[in-house]
Amino acid sequence: LLDEPASGLDPRARIKIRELIKRLRDMGKTIMVSSHILPELADICN
């Protein structure tokens, strides 16, 4: 349960968090992530 994990981060740090969530997804974790960075969610969420 990740509550705004990219909040207040610069673009490079946001990319790192997004890639990390993708890795956790690929590991089979069930993830609930809240965010205001809306376009980035489409890339990691089903």
ModelCIF file with pLDDT and N, C-alpha, C, O atoms, coordinates in Angstrom:
data_MODEL
#
_entry.id   MODEL 
#
_entity.id                         1 
_entity.type                       polymer 
_entity.pdbx_number_of_molecules   1 
#
_entity_poly.entity_id                      1 
_entity_poly.type                           'polypeptide(L)' 
_entity_poly.nstd_linkage                   no 
_entity_poly.nstd_monomer                   no 
_entity_poly.pdbx_seq_one_letter_code       LLDEPASGLDPRARIKIRELIKRLRDMGKTIMVSSHILPELADICN 
_entity_poly.pdbx_seq_one_letter_code_can   LLDEPASGLDPRARIKIRELIKRLRDMGKTIMVSSHILPELADICN 
_entity_poly.pdbx_strand_id                 A 
#
loop_
_entity_poly_seq.entity_id 
_entity_poly_seq.num 
_entity_poly_seq.mon_id 
_entity_poly_seq.hetero 
1 1  LEU n 
1 2  LEU n 
1 3  ASP n 
1 4  GLU n 
1 5  PRO n 
1 6  ALA n 
1 7  SER n 
1 8  GLY n 
1 9  LEU n 
1 10 ASP n 
1 11 PRO n 
1 12 ARG n 
1 13 ALA n 
1 14 ARG n 
1 15 ILE n 
1 16 LYS n 
1 17 ILE n 
1 18 ARG n 
1 19 GLU n 
1 20 LEU n 
1 21 ILE n 
1 22 LYS n 
1 23 ARG n 
1 24 LEU n 
1 25 ARG n 
1 26 ASP n 
1 27 MET n 
1 28 GLY n 
1 29 LYS n 
1 30 THR n 
1 31 ILE n 
1 32 MET n 
1 33 VAL n 
1 34 SER n 
1 35 SER n 
1 36 HIS n 
1 37 ILE n 
1 38 LEU n 
1 39 PRO n 
1 40 GLU n 
1 41 LEU n 
1 42 ALA n 
1 43 ASP n 
1 44 ILE n 
1 45 CYS n 
1 46 ASN n 
#
_struct_asym.id          A 
_struct_asym.entity_id   1 
#
loop_
_ma_qa_metric.id 
_ma_qa_metric.mode 
_ma_qa_metric.name 
_ma_qa_metric.software_group_id 
_ma_qa_metric.type 
1 global pLDDT . pLDDT 
2 local  pLDDT . pLDDT 
#
_ma_qa_metric_global.metric_id      1 
_ma_qa_metric_global.metric_value   85.39 
_ma_qa_metric_global.model_id       1 
_ma_qa_metric_global.ordinal_id     1 
#
loop_
_ma_qa_metric_local.label_asym_id 
_ma_qa_metric_local.label_comp_id 
_ma_qa_metric_local.label_seq_id 
_ma_qa_metric_local.metric_id 
_ma_qa_metric_local.metric_value 
_ma_qa_metric_local.model_id 
_ma_qa_metric_local.ordinal_id 
A LEU 1  2 97.00 1 1  
A LEU 2  2 95.00 1 2  
A ASP 3  2 93.00 1 3  
A GLU 4  2 89.00 1 4  
A PRO 5  2 88.00 1 5  
A ALA 6  2 83.00 1 6  
A SER 7  2 79.00 1 7  
A GLY 8  2 77.00 1 8  
A LEU 9  2 79.00 1 9  
A ASP 10 2 82.00 1 10 
A PRO 11 2 82.00 1 11 
A ARG 12 2 85.00 1 12 
A ALA 13 2 83.00 1 13 
A ARG 14 2 85.00 1 14 
A ILE 15 2 86.00 1 15 
A LYS 16 2 87.00 1 16 
A ILE 17 2 87.00 1 17 
A ARG 18 2 87.00 1 18 
A GLU 19 2 90.00 1 19 
A LEU 20 2 91.00 1 20 
A ILE 21 2 91.00 1 21 
A LYS 22 2 92.00 1 22 
A ARG 23 2 92.00 1 23 
A LEU 24 2 93.00 1 24 
A ARG 25 2 93.00 1 25 
A ASP 26 2 93.00 1 26 
A MET 27 2 93.00 1 27 
A GLY 28 2 93.00 1 28 
A LYS 29 2 95.00 1 29 
A THR 30 2 96.00 1 30 
A ILE 31 2 96.00 1 31 
A MET 32 2 97.00 1 32 
A VAL 33 2 95.00 1 33 
A SER 34 2 90.00 1 34 
A SER 35 2 78.00 1 35 
A HIS 36 2 66.00 1 36 
A ILE 37 2 61.00 1 37 
A LEU 38 2 65.00 1 38 
A PRO 39 2 65.00 1 39 
A GLU 40 2 66.00 1 40 
A LEU 41 2 75.00 1 41 
A ALA 42 2 73.00 1 42 
A ASP 43 2 77.00 1 43 
A ILE 44 2 87.00 1 44 
A CYS 45 2 90.00 1 45 
A ASN 46 2 91.00 1 46 
#
loop_
_atom_site.group_PDB 
_atom_site.id 
_atom_site.type_symbol 
_atom_site.label_atom_id 
_atom_site.label_alt_id 
_atom_site.label_comp_id 
_atom_site.label_asym_id 
_atom_site.label_entity_id 
_atom_site.label_seq_id 
_atom_site.pdbx_PDB_ins_code 
_atom_site.Cartn_x 
_atom_site.Cartn_y 
_atom_site.Cartn_z 
_atom_site.occupancy 
_atom_site.B_iso_or_equiv 
_atom_site.pdbx_formal_charge 
_atom_site.auth_seq_id 
_atom_site.auth_comp_id 
_atom_site.auth_asym_id 
_atom_site.auth_atom_id 
_atom_site.pdbx_PDB_model_num 
ATOM 1   N N  . LEU A 1 1  ? 0.869  -1.170  0.000   1.00 97.00 ? 1  LEU A N  1 
ATOM 2   C CA . LEU A 1 1  ? 0.000  0.000   0.000   1.00 97.00 ? 1  LEU A CA 1 
ATOM 3   C C  . LEU A 1 1  ? 0.908  1.223   0.000   1.00 97.00 ? 1  LEU A C  1 
ATOM 4   O O  . LEU A 1 1  ? 1.483  1.571   1.031   1.00 97.00 ? 1  LEU A O  1 
ATOM 5   N N  . LEU A 1 2  ? 1.037  1.870   -1.140  1.00 95.00 ? 2  LEU A N  1 
ATOM 6   C CA . LEU A 1 2  ? 1.996  2.960   -1.311  1.00 95.00 ? 2  LEU A CA 1 
ATOM 7   C C  . LEU A 1 2  ? 1.239  4.270   -1.471  1.00 95.00 ? 2  LEU A C  1 
ATOM 8   O O  . LEU A 1 2  ? 0.581  4.500   -2.485  1.00 95.00 ? 2  LEU A O  1 
ATOM 9   N N  . ASP A 1 3  ? 1.338  5.123   -0.461  1.00 93.00 ? 3  ASP A N  1 
ATOM 10  C CA . ASP A 1 3  ? 0.597  6.379   -0.443  1.00 93.00 ? 3  ASP A CA 1 
ATOM 11  C C  . ASP A 1 3  ? 1.487  7.503   -0.961  1.00 93.00 ? 3  ASP A C  1 
ATOM 12  O O  . ASP A 1 3  ? 2.382  7.967   -0.254  1.00 93.00 ? 3  ASP A O  1 
ATOM 13  N N  . GLU A 1 4  ? 1.243  7.937   -2.184  1.00 89.00 ? 4  GLU A N  1 
ATOM 14  C CA . GLU A 1 4  ? 2.003  9.016   -2.821  1.00 89.00 ? 4  GLU A CA 1 
ATOM 15  C C  . GLU A 1 4  ? 3.517  8.771   -2.741  1.00 89.00 ? 4  GLU A C  1 
ATOM 16  O O  . GLU A 1 4  ? 4.243  9.612   -2.210  1.00 89.00 ? 4  GLU A O  1 
ATOM 17  N N  . PRO A 1 5  ? 4.003  7.637   -3.258  1.00 88.00 ? 5  PRO A N  1 
ATOM 18  C CA . PRO A 1 5  ? 5.440  7.343   -3.134  1.00 88.00 ? 5  PRO A CA 1 
ATOM 19  C C  . PRO A 1 5  ? 6.340  8.309   -3.895  1.00 88.00 ? 5  PRO A C  1 
ATOM 20  O O  . PRO A 1 5  ? 7.521  8.434   -3.569  1.00 88.00 ? 5  PRO A O  1 
ATOM 21  N N  . ALA A 1 6  ? 5.798  9.000   -4.913  1.00 83.00 ? 6  ALA A N  1 
ATOM 22  C CA . ALA A 1 6  ? 6.620  9.938   -5.694  1.00 83.00 ? 6  ALA A CA 1 
ATOM 23  C C  . ALA A 1 6  ? 6.364  11.386  -5.319  1.00 83.00 ? 6  ALA A C  1 
ATOM 24  O O  . ALA A 1 6  ? 6.779  12.297  -6.035  1.00 83.00 ? 6  ALA A O  1 
ATOM 25  N N  . SER A 1 7  ? 5.684  11.605  -4.205  1.00 79.00 ? 7  SER A N  1 
ATOM 26  C CA . SER A 1 7  ? 5.339  12.971  -3.794  1.00 79.00 ? 7  SER A CA 1 
ATOM 27  C C  . SER A 1 7  ? 6.586  13.811  -3.533  1.00 79.00 ? 7  SER A C  1 
ATOM 28  O O  . SER A 1 7  ? 7.473  13.406  -2.782  1.00 79.00 ? 7  SER A O  1 
ATOM 29  N N  . GLY A 1 8  ? 6.645  14.981  -4.160  1.00 77.00 ? 8  GLY A N  1 
ATOM 30  C CA . GLY A 1 8  ? 7.727  15.927  -3.911  1.00 77.00 ? 8  GLY A CA 1 
ATOM 31  C C  . GLY A 1 8  ? 9.058  15.567  -4.548  1.00 77.00 ? 8  GLY A C  1 
ATOM 32  O O  . GLY A 1 8  ? 10.076 16.181  -4.228  1.00 77.00 ? 8  GLY A O  1 
ATOM 33  N N  . LEU A 1 9  ? 9.074  14.585  -5.443  1.00 79.00 ? 9  LEU A N  1 
ATOM 34  C CA . LEU A 1 9  ? 10.340 14.169  -6.049  1.00 79.00 ? 9  LEU A CA 1 
ATOM 35  C C  . LEU A 1 9  ? 10.590 14.894  -7.360  1.00 79.00 ? 9  LEU A C  1 
ATOM 36  O O  . LEU A 1 9  ? 9.658  15.313  -8.045  1.00 79.00 ? 9  LEU A O  1 
ATOM 37  N N  . ASP A 1 10 ? 11.875 15.036  -7.698  1.00 82.00 ? 10 ASP A N  1 
ATOM 38  C CA . ASP A 1 10 ? 12.222 15.612  -8.994  1.00 82.00 ? 10 ASP A CA 1 
ATOM 39  C C  . ASP A 1 10 ? 11.991 14.560  -10.077 1.00 82.00 ? 10 ASP A C  1 
ATOM 40  O O  . ASP A 1 10 ? 11.815 13.385  -9.755  1.00 82.00 ? 10 ASP A O  1 
ATOM 41  N N  . PRO A 1 11 ? 11.987 14.954  -11.357 1.00 82.00 ? 11 PRO A N  1 
ATOM 42  C CA . PRO A 1 11 ? 11.672 14.012  -12.437 1.00 82.00 ? 11 PRO A CA 1 
ATOM 43  C C  . PRO A 1 11 ? 12.522 12.742  -12.441 1.00 82.00 ? 11 PRO A C  1 
ATOM 44  O O  . PRO A 1 11 ? 11.996 11.650  -12.656 1.00 82.00 ? 11 PRO A O  1 
ATOM 45  N N  . ARG A 1 12 ? 13.831 12.873  -12.207 1.00 85.00 ? 12 ARG A N  1 
ATOM 46  C CA . ARG A 1 12 ? 14.692 11.696  -12.212 1.00 85.00 ? 12 ARG A CA 1 
ATOM 47  C C  . ARG A 1 12 ? 14.327 10.737  -11.078 1.00 85.00 ? 12 ARG A C  1 
ATOM 48  O O  . ARG A 1 12 ? 14.305 9.522   -11.276 1.00 85.00 ? 12 ARG A O  1 
ATOM 49  N N  . ALA A 1 13 ? 14.044 11.276  -9.899  1.00 83.00 ? 13 ALA A N  1 
ATOM 50  C CA . ALA A 1 13 ? 13.676 10.432  -8.759  1.00 83.00 ? 13 ALA A CA 1 
ATOM 51  C C  . ALA A 1 13 ? 12.322 9.764   -8.985  1.00 83.00 ? 13 ALA A C  1 
ATOM 52  O O  . ALA A 1 13 ? 12.114 8.620   -8.579  1.00 83.00 ? 13 ALA A O  1 
ATOM 53  N N  . ARG A 1 14 ? 11.394 10.487  -9.639  1.00 85.00 ? 14 ARG A N  1 
ATOM 54  C CA . ARG A 1 14 ? 10.083 9.898   -9.946  1.00 85.00 ? 14 ARG A CA 1 
ATOM 55  C C  . ARG A 1 14 ? 10.230 8.705   -10.886 1.00 85.00 ? 14 ARG A C  1 
ATOM 56  O O  . ARG A 1 14 ? 9.552  7.689   -10.731 1.00 85.00 ? 14 ARG A O  1 
ATOM 57  N N  . ILE A 1 15 ? 11.124 8.844   -11.863 1.00 86.00 ? 15 ILE A N  1 
ATOM 58  C CA . ILE A 1 15 ? 11.361 7.746   -12.805 1.00 86.00 ? 15 ILE A CA 1 
ATOM 59  C C  . ILE A 1 15 ? 11.903 6.527   -12.069 1.00 86.00 ? 15 ILE A C  1 
ATOM 60  O O  . ILE A 1 15 ? 11.506 5.398   -12.354 1.00 86.00 ? 15 ILE A O  1 
ATOM 61  N N  . LYS A 1 16 ? 12.811 6.755   -11.122 1.00 87.00 ? 16 LYS A N  1 
ATOM 62  C CA . LYS A 1 16 ? 13.380 5.640   -10.352 1.00 87.00 ? 16 LYS A CA 1 
ATOM 63  C C  . LYS A 1 16 ? 12.295 4.925   -9.544  1.00 87.00 ? 16 LYS A C  1 
ATOM 64  O O  . LYS A 1 16 ? 12.267 3.695   -9.493  1.00 87.00 ? 16 LYS A O  1 
ATOM 65  N N  . ILE A 1 17 ? 11.399 5.698   -8.910  1.00 87.00 ? 17 ILE A N  1 
ATOM 66  C CA . ILE A 1 17 ? 10.318 5.098   -8.141  1.00 87.00 ? 17 ILE A CA 1 
ATOM 67  C C  . ILE A 1 17 ? 9.391  4.303   -9.060  1.00 87.00 ? 17 ILE A C  1 
ATOM 68  O O  . ILE A 1 17 ? 8.968  3.199   -8.717  1.00 87.00 ? 17 ILE A O  1 
ATOM 69  N N  . ARG A 1 18 ? 9.077  4.866   -10.222 1.00 87.00 ? 18 ARG A N  1 
ATOM 70  C CA . ARG A 1 18 ? 8.193  4.187   -11.163 1.00 87.00 ? 18 ARG A CA 1 
ATOM 71  C C  . ARG A 1 18 ? 8.798  2.863   -11.625 1.00 87.00 ? 18 ARG A C  1 
ATOM 72  O O  . ARG A 1 18 ? 8.108  1.846   -11.694 1.00 87.00 ? 18 ARG A O  1 
ATOM 73  N N  . GLU A 1 19 ? 10.101 2.888   -11.943 1.00 90.00 ? 19 GLU A N  1 
ATOM 74  C CA . GLU A 1 19 ? 10.771 1.662   -12.382 1.00 90.00 ? 19 GLU A CA 1 
ATOM 75  C C  . GLU A 1 19 ? 10.816 0.634   -11.263 1.00 90.00 ? 19 GLU A C  1 
ATOM 76  O O  . GLU A 1 19 ? 10.716 -0.568  -11.512 1.00 90.00 ? 19 GLU A O  1 
ATOM 77  N N  . LEU A 1 20 ? 10.966 1.101   -10.044 1.00 91.00 ? 20 LEU A N  1 
ATOM 78  C CA . LEU A 1 20 ? 10.985 0.198   -8.892  1.00 91.00 ? 20 LEU A CA 1 
ATOM 79  C C  . LEU A 1 20 ? 9.625  -0.470  -8.703  1.00 91.00 ? 20 LEU A C  1 
ATOM 80  O O  . LEU A 1 20 ? 9.551  -1.665  -8.419  1.00 91.00 ? 20 LEU A O  1 
ATOM 81  N N  . ILE A 1 21 ? 8.556  0.300   -8.861  1.00 91.00 ? 21 ILE A N  1 
ATOM 82  C CA . ILE A 1 21 ? 7.207  -0.280  -8.744  1.00 91.00 ? 21 ILE A CA 1 
ATOM 83  C C  . ILE A 1 21 ? 6.984  -1.320  -9.840  1.00 91.00 ? 21 ILE A C  1 
ATOM 84  O O  . ILE A 1 21 ? 6.345  -2.345  -9.601  1.00 91.00 ? 21 ILE A O  1 
ATOM 85  N N  . LYS A 1 22 ? 7.506  -1.062  -11.035 1.00 92.00 ? 22 LYS A N  1 
ATOM 86  C CA . LYS A 1 22 ? 7.398  -2.051  -12.111 1.00 92.00 ? 22 LYS A CA 1 
ATOM 87  C C  . LYS A 1 22 ? 8.103  -3.349  -11.733 1.00 92.00 ? 22 LYS A C  1 
ATOM 88  O O  . LYS A 1 22 ? 7.594  -4.438  -12.002 1.00 92.00 ? 22 LYS A O  1 
ATOM 89  N N  . ARG A 1 23 ? 9.269  -3.235  -11.111 1.00 92.00 ? 23 ARG A N  1 
ATOM 90  C CA . ARG A 1 23 ? 10.002 -4.435  -10.698 1.00 92.00 ? 23 ARG A CA 1 
ATOM 91  C C  . ARG A 1 23 ? 9.215  -5.216  -9.654  1.00 92.00 ? 23 ARG A C  1 
ATOM 92  O O  . ARG A 1 23 ? 9.174  -6.446  -9.690  1.00 92.00 ? 23 ARG A O  1 
ATOM 93  N N  . LEU A 1 24 ? 8.595  -4.502  -8.729  1.00 93.00 ? 24 LEU A N  1 
ATOM 94  C CA . LEU A 1 24 ? 7.784  -5.165  -7.702  1.00 93.00 ? 24 LEU A CA 1 
ATOM 95  C C  . LEU A 1 24 ? 6.554  -5.814  -8.329  1.00 93.00 ? 24 LEU A C  1 
ATOM 96  O O  . LEU A 1 24 ? 6.135  -6.893  -7.911  1.00 93.00 ? 24 LEU A O  1 
ATOM 97  N N  . ARG A 1 25 ? 5.980  -5.156  -9.329  1.00 93.00 ? 25 ARG A N  1 
ATOM 98  C CA . ARG A 1 25 ? 4.856  -5.749  -10.059 1.00 93.00 ? 25 ARG A CA 1 
ATOM 99  C C  . ARG A 1 25 ? 5.282  -7.048  -10.725 1.00 93.00 ? 25 ARG A C  1 
ATOM 100 O O  . ARG A 1 25 ? 4.563  -8.047  -10.677 1.00 93.00 ? 25 ARG A O  1 
ATOM 101 N N  . ASP A 1 26 ? 6.460  -7.027  -11.349 1.00 93.00 ? 26 ASP A N  1 
ATOM 102 C CA . ASP A 1 26 ? 6.953  -8.215  -12.043 1.00 93.00 ? 26 ASP A CA 1 
ATOM 103 C C  . ASP A 1 26 ? 7.294  -9.341  -11.071 1.00 93.00 ? 26 ASP A C  1 
ATOM 104 O O  . ASP A 1 26 ? 7.372  -10.504 -11.467 1.00 93.00 ? 26 ASP A O  1 
ATOM 105 N N  . MET A 1 27 ? 7.496  -8.995  -9.802  1.00 93.00 ? 27 MET A N  1 
ATOM 106 C CA . MET A 1 27 ? 7.744  -10.007 -8.772  1.00 93.00 ? 27 MET A CA 1 
ATOM 107 C C  . MET A 1 27 ? 6.444  -10.628 -8.267  1.00 93.00 ? 27 MET A C  1 
ATOM 108 O O  . MET A 1 27 ? 6.473  -11.538 -7.439  1.00 93.00 ? 27 MET A O  1 
ATOM 109 N N  . GLY A 1 28 ? 5.302  -10.141 -8.762  1.00 93.00 ? 28 GLY A N  1 
ATOM 110 C CA . GLY A 1 28 ? 4.013  -10.717 -8.383  1.00 93.00 ? 28 GLY A CA 1 
ATOM 111 C C  . GLY A 1 28 ? 3.341  -10.063 -7.201  1.00 93.00 ? 28 GLY A C  1 
ATOM 112 O O  . GLY A 1 28 ? 2.342  -10.576 -6.698  1.00 93.00 ? 28 GLY A O  1 
ATOM 113 N N  . LYS A 1 29 ? 3.873  -8.925  -6.738  1.00 95.00 ? 29 LYS A N  1 
ATOM 114 C CA . LYS A 1 29 ? 3.236  -8.221  -5.629  1.00 95.00 ? 29 LYS A CA 1 
ATOM 115 C C  . LYS A 1 29 ? 1.898  -7.622  -6.072  1.00 95.00 ? 29 LYS A C  1 
ATOM 116 O O  . LYS A 1 29 ? 1.739  -7.206  -7.220  1.00 95.00 ? 29 LYS A O  1 
ATOM 117 N N  . THR A 1 30 ? 0.961  -7.588  -5.160  1.00 96.00 ? 30 THR A N  1 
ATOM 118 C CA . THR A 1 30 ? -0.294 -6.867  -5.378  1.00 96.00 ? 30 THR A CA 1 
ATOM 119 C C  . THR A 1 30 ? -0.096 -5.476  -4.793  1.00 96.00 ? 30 THR A C  1 
ATOM 120 O O  . THR A 1 30 ? 0.215  -5.329  -3.611  1.00 96.00 ? 30 THR A O  1 
ATOM 121 N N  . ILE A 1 31 ? -0.280 -4.455  -5.629  1.00 96.00 ? 31 ILE A N  1 
ATOM 122 C CA . ILE A 1 31 ? 0.115  -3.098  -5.236  1.00 96.00 ? 31 ILE A CA 1 
ATOM 123 C C  . ILE A 1 31 ? -1.051 -2.133  -5.383  1.00 96.00 ? 31 ILE A C  1 
ATOM 124 O O  . ILE A 1 31 ? -1.744 -2.122  -6.401  1.00 96.00 ? 31 ILE A O  1 
ATOM 125 N N  . MET A 1 32 ? -1.253 -1.334  -4.365  1.00 97.00 ? 32 MET A N  1 
ATOM 126 C CA . MET A 1 32 ? -2.211 -0.220  -4.405  1.00 97.00 ? 32 MET A CA 1 
ATOM 127 C C  . MET A 1 32 ? -1.389 1.051   -4.230  1.00 97.00 ? 32 MET A C  1 
ATOM 128 O O  . MET A 1 32 ? -0.753 1.252   -3.196  1.00 97.00 ? 32 MET A O  1 
ATOM 129 N N  . VAL A 1 33 ? -1.408 1.912   -5.254  1.00 95.00 ? 33 VAL A N  1 
ATOM 130 C CA . VAL A 1 33 ? -0.544 3.096   -5.225  1.00 95.00 ? 33 VAL A CA 1 
ATOM 131 C C  . VAL A 1 33 ? -1.371 4.336   -5.532  1.00 95.00 ? 33 VAL A C  1 
ATOM 132 O O  . VAL A 1 33 ? -2.060 4.402   -6.550  1.00 95.00 ? 33 VAL A O  1 
ATOM 133 N N  . SER A 1 34 ? -1.296 5.308   -4.646  1.00 90.00 ? 34 SER A N  1 
ATOM 134 C CA . SER A 1 34 ? -1.988 6.570   -4.889  1.00 90.00 ? 34 SER A CA 1 
ATOM 135 C C  . SER A 1 34 ? -0.985 7.574   -5.439  1.00 90.00 ? 34 SER A C  1 
ATOM 136 O O  . SER A 1 34 ? 0.192  7.555   -5.077  1.00 90.00 ? 34 SER A O  1 
ATOM 137 N N  . SER A 1 35 ? -1.461 8.448   -6.312  1.00 78.00 ? 35 SER A N  1 
ATOM 138 C CA . SER A 1 35 ? -0.567 9.417   -6.920  1.00 78.00 ? 35 SER A CA 1 
ATOM 139 C C  . SER A 1 35 ? -1.352 10.517  -7.592  1.00 78.00 ? 35 SER A C  1 
ATOM 140 O O  . SER A 1 35 ? -2.482 10.311  -8.037  1.00 78.00 ? 35 SER A O  1 
ATOM 141 N N  . HIS A 1 36 ? -0.732 11.711  -7.663  1.00 66.00 ? 36 HIS A N  1 
ATOM 142 C CA . HIS A 1 36 ? -1.290 12.801  -8.463  1.00 66.00 ? 36 HIS A CA 1 
ATOM 143 C C  . HIS A 1 36 ? -0.580 12.894  -9.810  1.00 66.00 ? 36 HIS A C  1 
ATOM 144 O O  . HIS A 1 36 ? -0.973 13.687  -10.666 1.00 66.00 ? 36 HIS A O  1 
ATOM 145 N N  . ILE A 1 37 ? 0.467  12.084  -10.000 1.00 61.00 ? 37 ILE A N  1 
ATOM 146 C CA . ILE A 1 37 ? 1.202  12.111  -11.266 1.00 61.00 ? 37 ILE A CA 1 
ATOM 147 C C  . ILE A 1 37 ? 0.484  11.158  -12.206 1.00 61.00 ? 37 ILE A C  1 
ATOM 148 O O  . ILE A 1 37 ? 0.941  10.042  -12.451 1.00 61.00 ? 37 ILE A O  1 
ATOM 149 N N  . LEU A 1 38 ? -0.638 11.611  -12.722 1.00 65.00 ? 38 LEU A N  1 
ATOM 150 C CA . LEU A 1 38 ? -1.590 10.738  -13.375 1.00 65.00 ? 38 LEU A CA 1 
ATOM 151 C C  . LEU A 1 38 ? -1.067 10.022  -14.615 1.00 65.00 ? 38 LEU A C  1 
ATOM 152 O O  . LEU A 1 38 ? -1.283 8.815   -14.730 1.00 65.00 ? 38 LEU A O  1 
ATOM 153 N N  . PRO A 1 39 ? -0.391 10.692  -15.552 1.00 65.00 ? 39 PRO A N  1 
ATOM 154 C CA . PRO A 1 39 ? 0.054  9.973   -16.746 1.00 65.00 ? 39 PRO A CA 1 
ATOM 155 C C  . PRO A 1 39 ? 0.984  8.798   -16.437 1.00 65.00 ? 39 PRO A C  1 
ATOM 156 O O  . PRO A 1 39 ? 0.994  7.808   -17.169 1.00 65.00 ? 39 PRO A O  1 
ATOM 157 N N  . GLU A 1 40 ? 1.774  8.906   -15.346 1.00 66.00 ? 40 GLU A N  1 
ATOM 158 C CA . GLU A 1 40 ? 2.716  7.843   -15.030 1.00 66.00 ? 40 GLU A CA 1 
ATOM 159 C C  . GLU A 1 40 ? 2.007  6.577   -14.547 1.00 66.00 ? 40 GLU A C  1 
ATOM 160 O O  . GLU A 1 40 ? 2.537  5.477   -14.706 1.00 66.00 ? 40 GLU A O  1 
ATOM 161 N N  . LEU A 1 41 ? 0.815  6.719   -13.960 1.00 75.00 ? 41 LEU A N  1 
ATOM 162 C CA . LEU A 1 41 ? 0.106  5.548   -13.462 1.00 75.00 ? 41 LEU A CA 1 
ATOM 163 C C  . LEU A 1 41 ? -0.313 4.617   -14.589 1.00 75.00 ? 41 LEU A C  1 
ATOM 164 O O  . LEU A 1 41 ? -0.337 3.400   -14.405 1.00 75.00 ? 41 LEU A O  1 
ATOM 165 N N  . ALA A 1 42 ? -0.644 5.166   -15.748 1.00 73.00 ? 42 ALA A N  1 
ATOM 166 C CA . ALA A 1 42 ? -1.087 4.339   -16.874 1.00 73.00 ? 42 ALA A CA 1 
ATOM 167 C C  . ALA A 1 42 ? -0.003 3.364   -17.288 1.00 73.00 ? 42 ALA A C  1 
ATOM 168 O O  . ALA A 1 42 ? -0.292 2.302   -17.841 1.00 73.00 ? 42 ALA A O  1 
ATOM 169 N N  . ASP A 1 43 ? 1.246  3.723   -17.020 1.00 77.00 ? 43 ASP A N  1 
ATOM 170 C CA . ASP A 1 43 ? 2.386  2.909   -17.432 1.00 77.00 ? 43 ASP A CA 1 
ATOM 171 C C  . ASP A 1 43 ? 2.630  1.740   -16.492 1.00 77.00 ? 43 ASP A C  1 
ATOM 172 O O  . ASP A 1 43 ? 3.288  0.772   -16.874 1.00 77.00 ? 43 ASP A O  1 
ATOM 173 N N  . ILE A 1 44 ? 2.115  1.809   -15.270 1.00 87.00 ? 44 ILE A N  1 
ATOM 174 C CA . ILE A 1 44 ? 2.425  0.766   -14.290 1.00 87.00 ? 44 ILE A CA 1 
ATOM 175 C C  . ILE A 1 44 ? 1.194  0.044   -13.762 1.00 87.00 ? 44 ILE A C  1 
ATOM 176 O O  . ILE A 1 44 ? 1.324  -1.011  -13.141 1.00 87.00 ? 44 ILE A O  1 
ATOM 177 N N  . CYS A 1 45 ? 0.001  0.590   -13.994 1.00 90.00 ? 45 CYS A N  1 
ATOM 178 C CA . CYS A 1 45 ? -1.214 0.023   -13.401 1.00 90.00 ? 45 CYS A CA 1 
ATOM 179 C C  . CYS A 1 45 ? -2.055 -0.718  -14.431 1.00 90.00 ? 45 CYS A C  1 
ATOM 180 O O  . CYS A 1 45 ? -2.094 -0.339  -15.602 1.00 90.00 ? 45 CYS A O  1 
ATOM 181 N N  . ASN A 1 46 ? -2.724 -1.770  -13.989 1.00 91.00 ? 46 ASN A N  1 
ATOM 182 C CA . ASN A 1 46 ? -3.700 -2.436  -14.852 1.00 91.00 ? 46 ASN A CA 1 
ATOM 183 C C  . ASN A 1 46 ? -5.127 -2.101  -14.431 1.00 91.00 ? 46 ASN A C  1 
ATOM 184 O O  . ASN A 1 46 ? -6.080 -2.576  -15.048 1.00 91.00 ? 46 ASN A O  1 
#
